[in-house]
């Protein structure tokens, strides 16, 4: 894996990012000490299923959801077991 110093990384950032996207990760070093590794990430494709709402219609929330356990919680705050 290639190591570049901070100055070189700042000067050639666009080129280095293009190389990382192609699979050529690199390390940025400061005074010869490795600081960070730059590597491409796998961005989700447009056709991937979104996770938000993936169980829609499969779960039912009771009407009294906001008040479930109110008595037990009040007892705990009052110091009652």
Protein backbone atom coordinates (compact mmCIF):
# COMPACT_ATOMS: atom_id res chain seq x y z
CA UNK A 1 0.00 0.00 0.00
CA UNK A 2 1.35 3.38 -0.98
CA UNK A 3 2.18 5.96 1.70
CA UNK A 4 2.04 9.70 0.96
CA UNK A 5 2.80 12.64 3.21
CA UNK A 6 0.17 15.24 4.01
CA UNK A 7 1.59 17.85 1.64
CA UNK A 8 1.58 15.40 -1.27
CA UNK A 9 -1.95 14.29 -0.38
CA UNK A 10 -3.21 17.89 -0.38
CA UNK A 11 -1.46 18.65 -3.65
CA UNK A 12 -2.70 15.51 -5.45
CA UNK A 13 -5.94 14.76 -3.62
CA UNK A 14 -8.14 14.44 -6.72
CA UNK A 15 -5.73 12.03 -8.39
CA UNK A 16 -5.27 10.01 -5.20
CA UNK A 17 -9.04 9.71 -4.72
CA UNK A 18 -9.47 8.48 -8.29
CA UNK A 19 -6.84 5.80 -7.62
CA UNK A 20 -8.54 4.80 -4.36
CA UNK A 21 -11.87 4.44 -6.15
CA UNK A 22 -10.15 2.05 -8.57
CA UNK A 23 -9.02 -0.08 -5.60
CA UNK A 24 -5.60 1.44 -4.91
CA UNK A 25 -5.87 2.40 -1.24
CA UNK A 26 -3.20 4.58 0.30
CA UNK A 27 -1.98 5.83 3.68
CA UNK A 28 -1.46 9.47 4.61
CA UNK A 29 1.47 9.99 6.96
CA UNK A 30 2.65 12.93 9.04
CA UNK A 31 6.38 13.12 9.69
CA UNK A 32 6.65 9.52 8.53
CA UNK A 33 4.00 8.28 11.00
CA UNK A 34 0.93 6.72 9.34
CA UNK A 35 -2.19 8.68 10.31
CA UNK A 36 -5.08 7.51 8.10
CA UNK A 37 -5.85 4.98 5.41
CA UNK A 38 -7.92 6.09 2.42
CA UNK A 39 -9.91 3.42 0.67
CA UNK A 40 -12.99 3.30 -1.53
CA UNK A 41 -16.36 2.60 0.06
CA UNK A 42 -19.20 0.56 -1.34
CA UNK A 43 -22.00 3.05 -1.93
CA UNK A 44 -25.50 1.58 -2.18
CA UNK A 45 -26.85 1.14 -5.68
CA UNK A 46 -30.00 2.97 -6.72
CA UNK A 47 -31.85 -0.34 -7.15
CA UNK A 48 -31.08 -1.60 -3.64
CA UNK A 49 -34.02 -1.99 -1.29
CA UNK A 50 -34.10 0.65 1.43
CA UNK A 51 -34.20 -0.69 4.99
CA UNK A 52 -36.43 2.08 6.32
CA UNK A 53 -39.93 0.64 6.58
CA UNK A 54 -38.87 -2.87 5.52
CA UNK A 55 -41.35 -4.43 7.99
CA UNK A 56 -44.30 -2.22 7.08
CA UNK A 57 -47.57 -4.04 7.67
CA UNK A 58 -45.90 -6.82 9.70
CA UNK A 59 -45.86 -5.11 13.09
CA UNK A 60 -48.76 -3.64 15.04
CA UNK A 61 -48.26 -0.98 17.69
CA UNK A 62 -50.93 -1.09 20.41
CA UNK A 63 -53.05 2.03 20.90
CA UNK A 64 -51.84 2.35 24.50
CA UNK A 65 -48.15 2.11 23.57
CA UNK A 66 -47.32 5.51 25.08
CA UNK A 67 -48.76 4.50 28.46
CA UNK A 68 -47.48 0.92 28.72
CA UNK A 69 -45.75 0.33 32.04
CA UNK A 70 -46.58 3.75 33.49
CA UNK A 71 -47.54 2.27 36.87
CA UNK A 72 -44.37 0.16 37.07
CA UNK A 73 -42.17 3.14 36.16
CA UNK A 74 -43.91 5.37 38.70
CA UNK A 75 -43.37 2.70 41.38
CA UNK A 76 -39.66 2.54 40.54
CA UNK A 77 -39.29 6.31 40.91
CA UNK A 78 -41.22 6.20 44.17
CA UNK A 79 -38.75 3.60 45.49
CA UNK A 80 -41.27 0.75 45.55
CA UNK A 81 -40.13 -2.66 44.25
